PDB file of N, CA and C in Angstrom:
ATOM      1  N   MET A   1      12.388   6.964  -2.753  1.00  0.00           N
ATOM      2  CA  MET A   1      13.456   7.934  -2.727  1.00  0.00           C
ATOM      3  C   MET A   1      14.422   7.558  -1.603  1.00  0.00           C
ATOM      4  N   ILE A   2      15.708   7.737  -1.861  1.00  0.00           N
ATOM      5  CA  ILE A   2      16.712   7.444  -0.842  1.00  0.00           C
ATOM      6  C   ILE A   2      17.621   8.656  -0.668  1.00  0.00           C
ATOM      7  N   LYS A   3      18.111   8.817   0.549  1.00  0.00           N
ATOM      8  CA  LYS A   3      18.995   9.940   0.859  1.00  0.00           C
ATOM      9  C   LYS A   3      20.440   9.459   0.786  1.00  0.00           C
ATOM     10  N   LEU A   4      21.238  10.145  -0.034  1.00  0.00           N
ATOM     11  CA  LEU A   4      22.650   9.829  -0.187  1.00  0.00           C
ATOM     12  C   LEU A   4      23.469  11.091   0.040  1.00  0.00           C
ATOM     13  N   THR A   5      24.801  10.923   0.104  1.00  0.00           N
ATOM     14  CA  THR A   5      25.692  12.048   0.367  1.00  0.00           C
ATOM     15  C   THR A   5      26.800  12.091  -0.674  1.00  0.00           C
ATOM     16  N   ARG A   6      26.964  13.245  -1.301  1.00  0.00           N
ATOM     17  CA  ARG A   6      28.078  13.430  -2.240  1.00  0.00           C
ATOM     18  C   ARG A   6      29.384  13.495  -1.444  1.00  0.00           C
ATOM     19  N   LEU A   7      30.502  13.348  -2.116  1.00  0.00           N
ATOM     20  CA  LEU A   7      31.791  13.385  -1.430  1.00  0.00           C
ATOM     21  C   LEU A   7      32.044  14.709  -0.735  1.00  0.00           C
ATOM     22  N   ASP A   8      31.475  15.803  -1.256  1.00  0.00           N
ATOM     23  CA  ASP A   8      31.678  17.116  -0.639  1.00  0.00           C
ATOM     24  C   ASP A   8      30.819  17.316   0.608  1.00  0.00           C
ATOM     25  N   GLY A   9      30.011  16.296   0.965  1.00  0.00           N
ATOM     26  CA  GLY A   9      29.202  16.371   2.177  1.00  0.00           C
ATOM     27  C   GLY A   9      27.767  16.803   1.966  1.00  0.00           C
ATOM     28  N   HIS A  10      27.412  17.207   0.764  1.00  0.00           N
ATOM     29  CA  HIS A  10      26.036  17.637   0.485  1.00  0.00           C
ATOM     30  C   HIS A  10      25.124  16.422   0.311  1.00  0.00           C
ATOM     31  N   ALA A  11      24.052  16.406   1.087  1.00  0.00           N
ATOM     32  CA  ALA A  11      23.068  15.328   0.988  1.00  0.00           C
ATOM     33  C   ALA A  11      22.115  15.614  -0.165  1.00  0.00           C
ATOM     34  N   PHE A  12      21.604  14.564  -0.768  1.00  0.00           N
ATOM     35  CA  PHE A  12      20.611  14.707  -1.830  1.00  0.00           C
ATOM     36  C   PHE A  12      19.693  13.492  -1.815  1.00  0.00           C
ATOM     37  N   ILE A  13      18.554  13.648  -2.453  1.00  0.00           N
ATOM     38  CA  ILE A  13      17.566  12.575  -2.534  1.00  0.00           C
ATOM     39  C   ILE A  13      17.577  12.029  -3.959  1.00  0.00           C
ATOM     40  N   LEU A  14      17.629  10.711  -4.071  1.00  0.00           N
ATOM     41  CA  LEU A  14      17.668  10.058  -5.375  1.00  0.00           C
ATOM     42  C   LEU A  14      16.485   9.106  -5.510  1.00  0.00           C
ATOM     43  N   ASN A  15      15.851   9.136  -6.647  1.00  0.00           N
ATOM     44  CA  ASN A  15      14.793   8.176  -6.943  1.00  0.00           C
ATOM     45  C   ASN A  15      15.474   6.834  -7.202  1.00  0.00           C
ATOM     46  N   ALA A  16      15.311   5.890  -6.280  1.00  0.00           N
ATOM     47  CA  ALA A  16      15.995   4.601  -6.374  1.00  0.00           C
ATOM     48  C   ALA A  16      15.566   3.801  -7.595  1.00  0.00           C
ATOM     49  N   ASP A  17      14.421   4.122  -8.178  1.00  0.00           N
ATOM     50  CA  ASP A  17      13.977   3.432  -9.389  1.00  0.00           C
ATOM     51  C   ASP A  17      14.883   3.753 -10.581  1.00  0.00           C
ATOM     52  N   LEU A  18      15.679   4.804 -10.465  1.00  0.00           N
ATOM     53  CA  LEU A  18      16.548   5.220 -11.567  1.00  0.00           C
ATOM     54  C   LEU A  18      17.937   4.594 -11.510  1.00  0.00           C
ATOM     55  N   ILE A  19      18.210   3.790 -10.476  1.00  0.00           N
ATOM     56  CA  ILE A  19      19.534   3.175 -10.326  1.00  0.00           C
ATOM     57  C   ILE A  19      19.661   1.986 -11.275  1.00  0.00           C
ATOM     58  N   ARG A  20      20.713   2.021 -12.088  1.00  0.00           N
ATOM     59  CA  ARG A  20      21.004   0.888 -12.981  1.00  0.00           C
ATOM     60  C   ARG A  20      21.918  -0.095 -12.269  1.00  0.00           C
ATOM     61  N   PHE A  21      23.019   0.427 -11.674  1.00  0.00           N
ATOM     62  CA  PHE A  21      23.877  -0.419 -10.853  1.00  0.00           C
ATOM     63  C   PHE A  21      24.738   0.438  -9.949  1.00  0.00           C
ATOM     64  N   VAL A  22      25.331  -0.226  -8.945  1.00  0.00           N
ATOM     65  CA  VAL A  22      26.195   0.431  -7.964  1.00  0.00           C
ATOM     66  C   VAL A  22      27.506  -0.340  -7.954  1.00  0.00           C
ATOM     67  N   GLU A  23      28.616   0.394  -7.928  1.00  0.00           N
ATOM     68  CA  GLU A  23      29.916  -0.273  -7.872  1.00  0.00           C
ATOM     69  C   GLU A  23      30.831   0.441  -6.891  1.00  0.00           C
ATOM     70  N   GLU A  24      31.755  -0.333  -6.332  1.00  0.00           N
ATOM     71  CA  GLU A  24      32.694   0.200  -5.350  1.00  0.00           C
ATOM     72  C   GLU A  24      34.094  -0.080  -5.875  1.00  0.00           C
ATOM     73  N   ARG A  25      34.868   1.013  -6.109  1.00  0.00           N
ATOM     74  CA  ARG A  25      36.202   0.803  -6.683  1.00  0.00           C
ATOM     75  C   ARG A  25      37.190   1.892  -6.372  1.00  0.00           C
ATOM     76  N   PRO A  26      37.716   2.164  -5.264  1.00  0.00           N
ATOM     77  CA  PRO A  26      37.149   1.890  -3.947  1.00  0.00           C
ATOM     78  C   PRO A  26      36.017   2.848  -3.606  1.00  0.00           C
ATOM     79  N   ASP A  27      35.932   3.991  -4.318  1.00  0.00           N
ATOM     80  CA  ASP A  27      34.803   4.895  -4.065  1.00  0.00           C
ATOM     81  C   ASP A  27      33.526   4.268  -4.616  1.00  0.00           C
ATOM     82  N   THR A  28      32.396   4.706  -4.089  1.00  0.00           N
ATOM     83  CA  THR A  28      31.110   4.160  -4.517  1.00  0.00           C
ATOM     84  C   THR A  28      30.511   5.024  -5.620  1.00  0.00           C
ATOM     85  N   TYR A  29      30.242   4.402  -6.744  1.00  0.00           N
ATOM     86  CA  TYR A  29      29.608   5.058  -7.881  1.00  0.00           C
ATOM     87  C   TYR A  29      28.213   4.483  -8.069  1.00  0.00           C
ATOM     88  N   VAL A  30      27.233   5.376  -8.221  1.00  0.00           N
ATOM     89  CA  VAL A  30      25.868   4.974  -8.538  1.00  0.00           C
ATOM     90  C   VAL A  30      25.648   5.366  -9.995  1.00  0.00           C
ATOM     91  N   THR A  31      25.373   4.377 -10.833  1.00  0.00           N
ATOM     92  CA  THR A  31      25.106   4.644 -12.242  1.00  0.00           C
ATOM     93  C   THR A  31      23.605   4.570 -12.465  1.00  0.00           C
ATOM     94  N   LEU A  32      23.076   5.618 -13.084  1.00  0.00           N
ATOM     95  CA  LEU A  32      21.638   5.708 -13.319  1.00  0.00           C
ATOM     96  C   LEU A  32      21.281   5.134 -14.684  1.00  0.00           C
ATOM     97  N   ILE A  33      20.001   4.869 -14.899  1.00  0.00           N
ATOM     98  CA  ILE A  33      19.573   4.317 -16.183  1.00  0.00           C
ATOM     99  C   ILE A  33      19.856   5.279 -17.334  1.00  0.00           C
ATOM    100  N   SER A  34      20.031   6.551 -17.027  1.00  0.00           N
ATOM    101  CA  SER A  34      20.367   7.554 -18.048  1.00  0.00           C
ATOM    102  C   SER A  34      21.834   7.486 -18.456  1.00  0.00           C
ATOM    103  N   GLY A  35      22.643   6.749 -17.665  1.00  0.00           N
ATOM    104  CA  GLY A  35      24.076   6.683 -17.912  1.00  0.00           C
ATOM    105  C   GLY A  35      24.870   7.625 -17.024  1.00  0.00           C
ATOM    106  N   ASP A  36      24.203   8.571 -16.366  1.00  0.00           N
ATOM    107  CA  ASP A  36      24.881   9.479 -15.443  1.00  0.00           C
ATOM    108  C   ASP A  36      25.444   8.684 -14.271  1.00  0.00           C
ATOM    109  N   ARG A  37      26.611   9.128 -13.783  1.00  0.00           N
ATOM    110  CA  ARG A  37      27.231   8.473 -12.627  1.00  0.00           C
ATOM    111  C   ARG A  37      27.358   9.480 -11.499  1.00  0.00           C
ATOM    112  N   ILE A  38      27.081   9.015 -10.286  1.00  0.00           N
ATOM    113  CA  ILE A  38      27.167   9.869  -9.108  1.00  0.00           C
ATOM    114  C   ILE A  38      28.115   9.208  -8.121  1.00  0.00           C
ATOM    115  N   LEU A  39      29.072   9.978  -7.633  1.00  0.00           N
ATOM    116  CA  LEU A  39      30.024   9.509  -6.637  1.00  0.00           C
ATOM    117  C   LEU A  39      29.471   9.842  -5.262  1.00  0.00           C
ATOM    118  N   VAL A  40      29.339   8.838  -4.377  1.00  0.00           N
ATOM    119  CA  VAL A  40      28.726   9.051  -3.068  1.00  0.00           C
ATOM    120  C   VAL A  40      29.629   8.545  -1.947  1.00  0.00           C
ATOM    121  N   ARG A  41      29.378   9.053  -0.730  1.00  0.00           N
ATOM    122  CA  ARG A  41      30.134   8.646   0.455  1.00  0.00           C
ATOM    123  C   ARG A  41      29.737   7.273   0.975  1.00  0.00           C
ATOM    124  N   GLU A  42      28.474   6.912   0.792  1.00  0.00           N
ATOM    125  CA  GLU A  42      27.971   5.656   1.334  1.00  0.00           C
ATOM    126  C   GLU A  42      28.659   4.465   0.661  1.00  0.00           C
ATOM    127  N   ALA A  43      28.829   3.395   1.429  1.00  0.00           N
ATOM    128  CA  ALA A  43      29.383   2.160   0.878  1.00  0.00           C
ATOM    129  C   ALA A  43      28.351   1.517  -0.043  1.00  0.00           C
ATOM    130  N   MET A  44      28.824   0.682  -0.943  1.00  0.00           N
ATOM    131  CA  MET A  44      27.938   0.020  -1.886  1.00  0.00           C
ATOM    132  C   MET A  44      26.831  -0.745  -1.158  1.00  0.00           C
ATOM    133  N   ASP A  45      27.183  -1.469  -0.106  1.00  0.00           N
ATOM    134  CA  ASP A  45      26.180  -2.238   0.641  1.00  0.00           C
ATOM    135  C   ASP A  45      25.112  -1.337   1.248  1.00  0.00           C
ATOM    136  N   GLN A  46      25.508  -0.143   1.694  1.00  0.00           N
ATOM    137  CA  GLN A  46      24.537   0.803   2.255  1.00  0.00           C
ATOM    138  C   GLN A  46      23.559   1.280   1.181  1.00  0.00           C
ATOM    139  N   VAL A  47      24.079   1.586   0.002  1.00  0.00           N
ATOM    140  CA  VAL A  47      23.219   2.055  -1.087  1.00  0.00           C
ATOM    141  C   VAL A  47      22.224   0.960  -1.464  1.00  0.00           C
ATOM    142  N   VAL A  48      22.711  -0.274  -1.560  1.00  0.00           N
ATOM    143  CA  VAL A  48      21.828  -1.394  -1.896  1.00  0.00           C
ATOM    144  C   VAL A  48      20.768  -1.571  -0.815  1.00  0.00           C
ATOM    145  N   GLU A  49      21.180  -1.502   0.451  1.00  0.00           N
ATOM    146  CA  GLU A  49      20.227  -1.648   1.558  1.00  0.00           C
ATOM    147  C   GLU A  49      19.153  -0.558   1.507  1.00  0.00           C
ATOM    148  N   LEU A  50      19.563   0.675   1.269  1.00  0.00           N
ATOM    149  CA  LEU A  50      18.597   1.776   1.170  1.00  0.00           C
ATOM    150  C   LEU A  50      17.634   1.567   0.005  1.00  0.00           C
ATOM    151  N   ALA A  51      18.161   1.111  -1.132  1.00  0.00           N
ATOM    152  CA  ALA A  51      17.316   0.892  -2.304  1.00  0.00           C
ATOM    153  C   ALA A  51      16.319  -0.243  -2.066  1.00  0.00           C
ATOM    154  N   VAL A  52      16.766  -1.311  -1.406  1.00  0.00           N
ATOM    155  CA  VAL A  52      15.871  -2.437  -1.106  1.00  0.00           C
ATOM    156  C   VAL A  52      14.790  -1.998  -0.130  1.00  0.00           C
ATOM    157  N   GLU A  53      15.179  -1.255   0.912  1.00  0.00           N
ATOM    158  CA  GLU A  53      14.190  -0.754   1.878  1.00  0.00           C
ATOM    159  C   GLU A  53      13.168   0.145   1.184  1.00  0.00           C
ATOM    160  N   TYR A  54      13.635   0.968   0.267  1.00  0.00           N
ATOM    161  CA  TYR A  54      12.730   1.842  -0.486  1.00  0.00           C
ATOM    162  C   TYR A  54      11.722   1.008  -1.279  1.00  0.00           C
ATOM    163  N   GLN A  55      12.211  -0.012  -1.969  1.00  0.00           N
ATOM    164  CA  GLN A  55      11.314  -0.854  -2.770  1.00  0.00           C
ATOM    165  C   GLN A  55      10.307  -1.580  -1.883  1.00  0.00           C
ATOM    166  N   GLN A  56      10.739  -2.013  -0.697  1.00  0.00           N
ATOM    167  CA  GLN A  56       9.825  -2.685   0.229  1.00  0.00           C
ATOM    168  C   GLN A  56       8.755  -1.723   0.728  1.00  0.00           C
ATOM    169  N   ARG A  57       9.163  -0.500   1.075  1.00  0.00           N
ATOM    170  CA  ARG A  57       8.182   0.501   1.519  1.00  0.00           C
ATOM    171  C   ARG A  57       7.206   0.825   0.397  1.00  0.00           C
ATOM    172  N   LYS A  58       7.722   0.936  -0.804  1.00  0.00           N
ATOM    173  CA  LYS A  58       6.886   1.259  -1.955  1.00  0.00           C
ATOM    174  C   LYS A  58       5.850   0.157  -2.197  1.00  0.00           C
ATOM    175  N   ALA A  59       6.246  -1.084  -2.000  1.00  0.00           N
ATOM    176  CA  ALA A  59       5.330  -2.209  -2.216  1.00  0.00           C
ATOM    177  C   ALA A  59       4.230  -2.247  -1.164  1.00  0.00           C
ATOM    178  N   MET A  60       4.479  -1.676   0.008  1.00  0.00           N
ATOM    179  CA  MET A  60       3.497  -1.702   1.090  1.00  0.00           C
ATOM    180  C   MET A  60       2.524  -0.536   1.033  1.00  0.00           C
ATOM    181  N   LEU A  61       2.787   0.463   0.207  1.00  0.00           N
ATOM    182  CA  LEU A  61       1.895   1.615   0.129  1.00  0.00           C
ATOM    183  C   LEU A  61       0.563   1.214  -0.481  1.00  0.00           C
ATOM    184  N   PRO A  62      -0.526   1.675   0.085  1.00  0.00           N
ATOM    185  CA  PRO A  62      -1.824   1.358  -0.510  1.00  0.00           C
ATOM    186  C   PRO A  62      -1.980   2.090  -1.837  1.00  0.00           C
ATOM    187  N   SER A  63      -2.698   1.479  -2.731  1.00  0.00           N
ATOM    188  CA  SER A  63      -2.965   2.161  -3.998  1.00  0.00           C
ATOM    189  C   SER A  63      -4.237   2.980  -3.837  1.00  0.00           C
ATOM    190  N   PHE A  64      -4.254   4.111  -4.476  1.00  0.00           N
ATOM    191  CA  PHE A  64      -5.392   5.014  -4.371  1.00  0.00           C
ATOM    192  C   PHE A  64      -6.069   5.133  -5.721  1.00  0.00           C
ATOM    193  N   GLN A  65      -7.375   5.151  -5.682  1.00  0.00           N
ATOM    194  CA  GLN A  65      -8.140   5.390  -6.897  1.00  0.00           C
ATOM    195  C   GLN A  65      -8.922   6.670  -6.701  1.00  0.00           C
ATOM    196  N   ARG A  66      -8.980   7.456  -7.746  1.00  0.00           N
ATOM    197  CA  ARG A  66      -9.794   8.666  -7.685  1.00  0.00           C
ATOM    198  C   ARG A  66     -11.249   8.277  -7.814  1.00  0.00           C
ATOM    199  N   SER A  67     -12.039   8.854  -6.957  1.00  0.00           N
ATOM    200  CA  SER A  67     -13.470   8.622  -7.113  1.00  0.00           C
ATOM    201  C   SER A  67     -13.968   9.539  -8.213  1.00  0.00           C
ATOM    202  N   PRO A  68     -14.970   9.105  -8.937  1.00  0.00           N
ATOM    203  CA  PRO A  68     -15.479   9.974 -10.006  1.00  0.00           C
ATOM    204  C   PRO A  68     -15.980  11.282  -9.421  1.00  0.00           C
ATOM    205  N   SER A  69     -15.721  12.347 -10.133  1.00  0.00           N
ATOM    206  CA  SER A  69     -16.178  13.645  -9.625  1.00  0.00           C
ATOM    207  C   SER A  69     -17.696  13.724  -9.750  1.00  0.00           C
ATOM    208  N   HIS A  70     -18.297  14.314  -8.770  1.00  0.00           N
ATOM    209  CA  HIS A  70     -19.747  14.457  -8.752  1.00  0.00           C
ATOM    210  C   HIS A  70     -20.088  15.923  -8.963  1.00  0.00           C
ATOM    211  N   ALA A  71     -20.893  16.167  -9.929  1.00  0.00           N
ATOM    212  CA  ALA A  71     -21.322  17.542 -10.190  1.00  0.00           C
ATOM    213  C   ALA A  71     -22.330  17.961  -9.133  1.00  0.00           C
ATOM    214  N   ILE A  72     -22.186  19.155  -8.678  1.00  0.00           N
ATOM    215  CA  ILE A  72     -23.126  19.688  -7.687  1.00  0.00           C
ATOM    216  C   ILE A  72     -24.068  20.640  -8.410  1.00  0.00           C
ATOM    217  N   CYS A  73     -25.323  20.326  -8.332  1.00  0.00           N
ATOM    218  CA  CYS A  73     -26.329  21.161  -8.999  1.00  0.00           C
ATOM    219  C   CYS A  73     -27.117  21.918  -7.950  1.00  0.00           C
ATOM    220  N   SER A  74     -27.233  23.167  -8.137  1.00  0.00           N
ATOM    221  CA  SER A  74     -28.082  23.950  -7.227  1.00  0.00           C
ATOM    222  C   SER A  74     -29.260  24.472  -8.024  1.00  0.00           C
ATOM    223  N   GLU A  75     -30.424  24.313  -7.480  1.00  0.00           N
ATOM    224  CA  GLU A  75     -31.624  24.750  -8.196  1.00  0.00           C
ATOM    225  C   GLU A  75     -32.262  25.918  -7.526  1.00  0.00           C
TER     226      GLU A  75
END
């Protein structure tokens, strides 16, 4: 997840896995895989840097496995 800012100043959190591409013309638009576009204050390079950092952090997270549940029997 990355923190971005809309043009009106409101911050929001975006799942970086949903980003299809980012373009700067001159405002920065983030286009999602759904086709939705979001206009943000951050420069294109900042959005890319945040997304790359997110992916790096995600790759470093340990994977967790659920242990099988154990039934407790009382006699």
